[in-house]
């Protein structure tokens, strides 16, 4: 993909993790280690860093650590890297926090429905139950003493797609900081994390898109500094069966695509891994339970309902702007 310069910022775009990845990093030619050519090297190293993570965490690459874990399911422990182990530990935390609505062992069902493919298929109750039997995050056994993991039953599989991008975004911002970058954006397929402010005075203005497939309309935005913004919704990938639309987000409790009274959920947090792990479970919970969960755990965010309401947490009101005719509520 292309690399091009804007005044004060270098921009780099790649295609990794089966999605567009965008970096925007401030350069300053008056500071030697932040000159344009040096910042370009930082961006290139970041791309290489992401490619290594893809090789390590991909569900689809046969030699990835995730694939090795899945192949050894019900047989033996698999030694893994420190990064993969850390992601699995955090995944376990969010599975417990959401009472299993976040569950990385949902992979066999995701694979069977194939909604992300060119040939999705509708599953019968019998087919769903056969795979649902394999979904249980408590069957992921971690051994911290030698950084190894095992799935307890054969044919179980994990997929870290619902949490890995957040972990990687956090690591990239850490990498930028270690290289003296003070202002930057990393956007991994809509998982956005910003470092510092935009220039010396302006906050980053992050838009929330209208929750429709391929929509380019921004319905609202928030001004942020040193924050992660992650949005989840069922509008981008779906298929029609017998006149009914089925989206790509599956409920680990029943094995079926979610029927939610929400269009999208955006989580605003310090750590991108938190937003990545919680945005989809909140969407699955639906309006009332999501609001209750957000109150209880002090989660900031923006919810768009099926009734075209935008519900904003009170702490974001001062930095929130509305661009379309939606009813705005707060809590």
Protein backbone atom coordinates (compact mmCIF):
# COMPACT_ATOMS: atom_id res chain seq x y z
CA UNK A 1 0.00 0.00 0.00
CA UNK A 2 1.05 3.65 -0.27
CA UNK A 3 3.16 5.87 1.95
CA UNK A 4 2.72 9.65 1.68
CA UNK A 5 3.49 12.78 3.65
CA UNK A 6 1.30 15.54 5.03
CA UNK A 7 2.51 18.62 6.84
CA UNK A 8 3.82 17.51 10.18
CA UNK A 9 2.53 13.91 9.84
CA UNK A 10 3.57 10.78 8.04
CA UNK A 11 0.74 8.47 6.96
CA UNK A 12 1.14 4.79 6.14
CA UNK A 13 -1.52 2.35 5.04
CA UNK A 14 -1.24 -1.46 4.89
CA UNK A 15 -3.50 -4.48 4.61
CA UNK A 16 -2.92 -6.80 7.59
CA UNK A 17 -5.24 -8.99 9.71
CA UNK A 18 -7.50 -9.11 6.62
CA UNK A 19 -8.29 -5.42 7.06
CA UNK A 20 -6.93 -1.95 6.33
CA UNK A 21 -4.40 -0.68 8.85
CA UNK A 22 -3.58 3.01 9.02
CA UNK A 23 -0.78 4.82 10.85
CA UNK A 24 -0.49 8.57 11.26
CA UNK A 25 2.68 9.70 13.06
CA UNK A 26 3.89 13.21 13.78
CA UNK A 27 7.38 14.11 12.56
CA UNK A 28 9.54 17.11 13.40
CA UNK A 29 12.55 17.85 11.21
CA UNK A 30 14.02 20.02 13.94
CA UNK A 31 14.46 16.97 16.19
CA UNK A 32 16.92 14.45 14.74
CA UNK A 33 15.26 11.25 15.97
CA UNK A 34 11.82 12.52 14.89
CA UNK A 35 12.76 13.72 11.42
CA UNK A 36 10.66 12.53 8.51
CA UNK A 37 13.01 9.72 7.50
CA UNK A 38 13.31 8.50 11.11
CA UNK A 39 9.53 8.47 11.56
CA UNK A 40 9.20 6.57 8.29
CA UNK A 41 11.48 3.89 9.77
CA UNK A 42 9.28 3.77 12.89
CA UNK A 43 6.20 3.25 10.67
CA UNK A 44 7.97 0.48 8.71
CA UNK A 45 9.00 -1.27 11.90
CA UNK A 46 5.39 -1.02 13.12
CA UNK A 47 4.18 -2.70 9.91
CA UNK A 48 6.72 -5.51 10.40
CA UNK A 49 5.63 -5.79 14.02
CA UNK A 50 1.98 -6.25 12.93
CA UNK A 51 2.92 -8.82 10.29
CA UNK A 52 4.69 -10.88 12.98
CA UNK A 53 1.60 -10.72 15.17
CA UNK A 54 -0.56 -11.87 12.27
CA UNK A 55 1.76 -14.84 11.69
CA UNK A 56 1.55 -15.68 15.39
CA UNK A 57 -2.16 -15.17 16.08
CA UNK A 58 -3.95 -15.95 12.81
CA UNK A 59 -6.76 -18.52 12.97
CA UNK A 60 -6.21 -19.25 9.27
CA UNK A 61 -2.42 -19.73 9.06
CA UNK A 62 -1.57 -23.37 9.71
CA UNK A 63 1.74 -22.63 11.45
CA UNK A 64 0.44 -19.87 13.77
CA UNK A 65 0.46 -20.38 17.53
CA UNK A 66 -3.35 -20.31 17.52
CA UNK A 67 -3.48 -23.11 14.93
CA UNK A 68 -1.01 -25.18 16.95
CA UNK A 69 -3.17 -24.77 20.06
CA UNK A 70 -6.24 -25.85 18.09
CA UNK A 71 -4.48 -28.89 16.57
CA UNK A 72 -3.46 -30.06 20.03
CA UNK A 73 -6.95 -29.65 21.51
CA UNK A 74 -7.76 -32.54 23.87
CA UNK A 75 -4.27 -33.97 23.42
CA UNK A 76 -1.52 -31.92 25.02
CA UNK A 77 -0.29 -28.51 26.13
CA UNK A 78 1.24 -26.15 23.56
CA UNK A 79 4.14 -23.85 24.40
CA UNK A 80 3.43 -20.31 23.26
CA UNK A 81 4.99 -16.84 23.27
CA UNK A 82 4.66 -14.40 26.13
CA UNK A 83 2.40 -12.17 24.01
CA UNK A 84 -0.03 -14.95 23.13
CA UNK A 85 -0.13 -16.08 26.75
CA UNK A 86 -0.86 -12.53 27.91
CA UNK A 87 -3.73 -12.22 25.41
CA UNK A 88 -5.20 -15.53 26.65
CA UNK A 89 -4.99 -14.34 30.26
CA UNK A 90 -6.79 -11.10 29.43
CA UNK A 91 -9.37 -13.05 27.38
CA UNK A 92 -10.06 -15.21 30.42
CA UNK A 93 -10.59 -12.07 32.53
CA UNK A 94 -13.16 -10.62 30.12
CA UNK A 95 -14.92 -13.97 29.74
CA UNK A 96 -15.44 -14.05 33.50
CA UNK A 97 -16.41 -10.36 33.62
CA UNK A 98 -19.10 -10.84 30.93
CA UNK A 99 -20.22 -14.23 32.25
CA UNK A 100 -19.11 -15.96 29.06
CA UNK A 101 -20.59 -13.52 26.53
CA UNK A 102 -17.00 -12.91 25.47
CA UNK A 103 -15.67 -16.38 24.61
CA UNK A 104 -12.69 -17.16 22.36
CA UNK A 105 -13.79 -20.82 22.07
CA UNK A 106 -16.72 -19.80 19.84
CA UNK A 107 -14.46 -20.46 16.82
CA UNK A 108 -16.09 -23.79 15.74
CA UNK A 109 -19.47 -22.05 15.46
CA UNK A 110 -18.02 -19.06 13.60
CA UNK A 111 -16.37 -21.46 11.16
CA UNK A 112 -19.58 -23.48 10.67
CA UNK A 113 -21.83 -20.46 10.04
CA UNK A 114 -19.14 -19.05 7.69
CA UNK A 115 -20.86 -15.65 7.67
CA UNK A 116 -17.55 -13.92 6.96
CA UNK A 117 -17.06 -16.03 3.82
CA UNK A 118 -18.54 -15.89 0.34
CA UNK A 119 -20.76 -18.88 1.16
CA UNK A 120 -22.47 -18.46 4.54
CA UNK A 121 -24.90 -21.19 5.55
CA UNK A 122 -27.89 -21.35 7.83
CA UNK A 123 -27.49 -23.98 10.54
CA UNK A 124 -30.23 -26.20 11.93
CA UNK A 125 -30.71 -26.53 15.70
CA UNK A 126 -28.98 -29.89 15.56
CA UNK A 127 -25.95 -28.43 13.75
CA UNK A 128 -25.76 -25.49 16.16
CA UNK A 129 -25.98 -27.69 19.27
CA UNK A 130 -23.26 -29.99 17.96
CA UNK A 131 -20.83 -27.07 17.84
CA UNK A 132 -22.23 -25.19 20.85
CA UNK A 133 -21.18 -28.16 22.98
CA UNK A 134 -17.56 -27.19 22.26
CA UNK A 135 -17.93 -23.56 23.42
CA UNK A 136 -16.68 -23.06 26.98
CA UNK A 137 -13.94 -20.59 27.89
CA UNK A 138 -13.29 -22.55 31.10
CA UNK A 139 -11.83 -25.32 28.94
CA UNK A 140 -8.85 -23.08 28.10
CA UNK A 141 -6.23 -24.22 30.63
CA UNK A 142 -3.22 -21.94 31.13
CA UNK A 143 0.09 -22.94 32.68
CA UNK A 144 2.02 -19.79 33.56
CA UNK A 145 5.10 -21.64 34.81
CA UNK A 146 6.09 -22.70 31.28
CA UNK A 147 3.86 -20.43 29.13
CA UNK A 148 1.71 -23.21 27.75
CA UNK A 149 -1.99 -23.71 27.05
CA UNK A 150 -4.35 -26.59 26.34
CA UNK A 151 -7.95 -26.92 25.21
CA UNK A 152 -9.50 -29.73 27.24
CA UNK A 153 -11.57 -31.37 24.49
CA UNK A 154 -10.81 -32.51 20.96
CA UNK A 155 -12.25 -30.35 18.16
CA UNK A 156 -12.35 -27.28 20.38
CA UNK A 157 -10.84 -24.18 18.77
CA UNK A 158 -9.98 -20.64 19.79
CA UNK A 159 -10.00 -17.50 17.67
CA UNK A 160 -8.40 -14.34 19.08
CA UNK A 161 -9.95 -12.03 16.47
CA UNK A 162 -12.17 -10.43 19.11
CA UNK A 163 -9.30 -9.22 21.30
CA UNK A 164 -5.96 -9.37 19.45
CA UNK A 165 -6.30 -6.09 17.53
CA UNK A 166 -6.81 -4.23 20.79
CA UNK A 167 -3.73 -5.82 22.34
CA UNK A 168 -1.66 -4.99 19.25
CA UNK A 169 -2.89 -1.36 19.16
CA UNK A 170 -1.79 -0.94 22.78
CA UNK A 171 1.63 -2.41 21.97
CA UNK A 172 2.04 -0.09 18.97
CA UNK A 173 1.29 3.02 21.02
CA UNK A 174 3.84 1.77 23.57
CA UNK A 175 6.35 1.35 20.72
CA UNK A 176 5.68 4.89 19.48
CA UNK A 177 6.24 6.28 22.99
CA UNK A 178 9.50 4.35 23.34
CA UNK A 179 10.65 6.06 20.14
CA UNK A 180 9.79 9.53 21.47
CA UNK A 181 6.69 9.97 19.30
CA UNK A 182 4.29 12.37 21.03
CA UNK A 183 1.36 12.41 18.60
CA UNK A 184 0.00 9.52 16.51
CA UNK A 185 -2.97 7.41 15.48
CA UNK A 186 -3.17 3.67 14.86
CA UNK A 187 -6.32 2.37 13.20
CA UNK A 188 -6.56 -1.42 12.82
CA UNK A 189 -9.76 -2.05 10.88
CA UNK A 190 -11.74 0.43 12.97
CA UNK A 191 -9.93 -0.25 16.26
CA UNK A 192 -8.56 3.24 16.83
CA UNK A 193 -6.07 4.38 19.43
CA UNK A 194 -4.61 7.87 19.61
CA UNK A 195 -1.42 9.03 21.26
CA UNK A 196 -1.31 12.52 22.72
CA UNK A 197 -3.16 15.33 20.99
CA UNK A 198 -3.21 16.48 17.37
CA UNK A 199 -0.41 19.00 17.34
CA UNK A 200 0.14 21.17 20.39
CA UNK A 201 -3.41 22.35 21.04
CA UNK A 202 -6.06 20.27 19.26
CA UNK A 203 -7.59 17.03 20.49
CA UNK A 204 -8.12 14.19 18.02
CA UNK A 205 -11.60 14.29 16.49
CA UNK A 206 -12.81 10.70 16.03
CA UNK A 207 -16.01 10.11 14.08
CA UNK A 208 -18.64 7.41 14.62
CA UNK A 209 -20.01 6.18 11.32
CA UNK A 210 -23.67 5.62 10.59
CA UNK A 211 -24.23 1.93 11.37
CA UNK A 212 -25.02 0.83 7.82
CA UNK A 213 -22.99 -1.31 5.46
CA UNK A 214 -20.26 0.69 3.68
CA UNK A 215 -21.65 3.96 5.06
CA UNK A 216 -19.33 6.97 4.84
CA UNK A 217 -21.63 9.24 6.84
CA UNK A 218 -20.36 10.33 10.25
CA UNK A 219 -23.30 10.72 12.64
CA UNK A 220 -21.33 12.02 15.62
CA UNK A 221 -17.80 12.47 16.91
CA UNK A 222 -15.79 12.83 20.10
CA UNK A 223 -12.64 14.78 20.91
CA UNK A 224 -10.01 12.61 22.60
CA UNK A 225 -6.44 12.47 23.81
CA UNK A 226 -4.56 9.27 24.73
CA UNK A 227 -7.66 7.11 24.25
CA UNK A 228 -8.87 4.02 22.42
CA UNK A 229 -12.11 4.02 20.43
CA UNK A 230 -13.53 0.65 19.36
CA UNK A 231 -16.90 0.12 17.66
CA UNK A 232 -18.83 -3.12 17.20
CA UNK A 233 -22.02 -3.73 15.22
CA UNK A 234 -23.69 -6.29 13.02
CA UNK A 235 -24.12 -4.05 9.98
CA UNK A 236 -20.97 -4.77 7.95
CA UNK A 237 -21.27 -8.53 7.45
CA UNK A 238 -24.57 -10.38 7.19
CA UNK A 239 -26.59 -12.70 4.95
CA UNK A 240 -30.24 -13.19 4.07
CA UNK A 241 -32.06 -16.48 4.67
CA UNK A 242 -35.81 -16.99 4.12
CA UNK A 243 -36.34 -13.24 4.10
CA UNK A 244 -34.52 -12.66 7.40
CA UNK A 245 -31.16 -10.97 7.90
CA UNK A 246 -28.48 -12.72 9.99
CA UNK A 247 -25.39 -10.76 11.06
CA UNK A 248 -21.90 -12.10 11.75
CA UNK A 249 -21.95 -11.64 15.55
CA UNK A 250 -22.80 -14.92 17.27
CA UNK A 251 -24.14 -15.29 20.78
CA UNK A 252 -21.95 -17.86 22.62
CA UNK A 253 -24.92 -18.72 24.85
CA UNK A 254 -27.17 -20.07 22.07
CA UNK A 255 -24.91 -20.34 19.02
CA UNK A 256 -27.04 -18.13 16.76
CA UNK A 257 -26.46 -14.71 15.16
CA UNK A 258 -27.46 -11.99 17.60
CA UNK A 259 -30.82 -10.26 17.37
CA UNK A 260 -30.00 -7.03 19.16
CA UNK A 261 -31.98 -3.84 19.71
CA UNK A 262 -28.70 -2.01 19.10
CA UNK A 263 -27.07 -0.94 15.84
CA UNK A 264 -23.61 -0.30 17.25
CA UNK A 265 -21.63 0.05 20.46
CA UNK A 266 -18.52 2.21 20.78
CA UNK A 267 -16.28 1.79 23.83
CA UNK A 268 -13.93 4.65 24.78
CA UNK A 269 -11.15 3.50 27.08
CA UNK A 270 -7.51 3.94 28.02
CA UNK A 271 -6.61 0.45 26.83
CA UNK A 272 -7.66 -0.75 23.39
CA UNK A 273 -7.76 -4.36 24.53
CA UNK A 274 -10.61 -3.42 26.88
CA UNK A 275 -12.61 -1.78 24.10
CA UNK A 276 -11.97 -4.71 21.77
CA UNK A 277 -13.04 -7.29 24.36
CA UNK A 278 -16.15 -5.42 25.56
CA UNK A 279 -17.69 -3.73 22.51
CA UNK A 280 -19.08 -6.96 21.00
CA UNK A 281 -20.41 -8.44 24.30
CA UNK A 282 -22.18 -5.13 24.98
CA UNK A 283 -23.78 -5.34 21.52
CA UNK A 284 -24.88 -8.92 22.28
CA UNK A 285 -26.36 -7.90 25.66
CA UNK A 286 -28.75 -5.42 24.09
CA UNK A 287 -29.69 -1.95 25.32
CA UNK A 288 -30.83 -2.48 28.91
CA UNK A 289 -28.20 -5.01 29.99
CA UNK A 290 -25.44 -3.11 28.18
CA UNK A 291 -26.32 0.12 29.99
CA UNK A 292 -26.47 -1.72 33.30
CA UNK A 293 -23.08 -3.35 32.66
CA UNK A 294 -21.51 -0.03 31.61
CA UNK A 295 -22.81 1.69 34.76
CA UNK A 296 -21.60 -1.10 37.02
CA UNK A 297 -18.10 -1.23 35.51
CA UNK A 298 -17.70 2.49 34.79
CA UNK A 299 -17.34 2.06 31.03
CA UNK A 300 -17.42 5.09 28.73
CA UNK A 301 -18.99 4.91 25.31
CA UNK A 302 -21.65 5.64 22.73
CA UNK A 303 -24.55 3.33 21.87
CA UNK A 304 -26.72 3.62 18.74
CA UNK A 305 -30.09 1.87 19.12
CA UNK A 306 -32.45 0.38 16.53
CA UNK A 307 -34.76 3.32 17.27
CA UNK A 308 -32.05 5.75 16.14
CA UNK A 309 -31.25 6.97 19.62
CA UNK A 310 -27.67 7.81 20.48
CA UNK A 311 -26.91 7.10 24.13
CA UNK A 312 -23.76 8.81 25.40
CA UNK A 313 -22.11 8.26 28.78
CA UNK A 314 -22.18 11.46 30.80
CA UNK A 315 -18.38 11.83 30.90
CA UNK A 316 -18.24 12.20 27.10
CA UNK A 317 -20.94 14.87 26.69
CA UNK A 318 -18.51 17.80 26.75
CA UNK A 319 -16.45 16.32 23.90
CA UNK A 320 -19.43 14.96 21.89
CA UNK A 321 -20.74 16.50 18.63
CA UNK A 322 -23.86 15.42 16.71
CA UNK A 323 -24.07 15.69 12.90
CA UNK A 324 -27.28 13.84 12.05
CA UNK A 325 -30.85 13.99 13.34
CA UNK A 326 -30.72 11.43 16.12
CA UNK A 327 -32.29 11.65 19.56
CA UNK A 328 -29.45 11.96 22.09
CA UNK A 329 -29.78 10.48 25.58
CA UNK A 330 -27.25 10.24 28.37
CA UNK A 331 -26.67 8.22 31.52
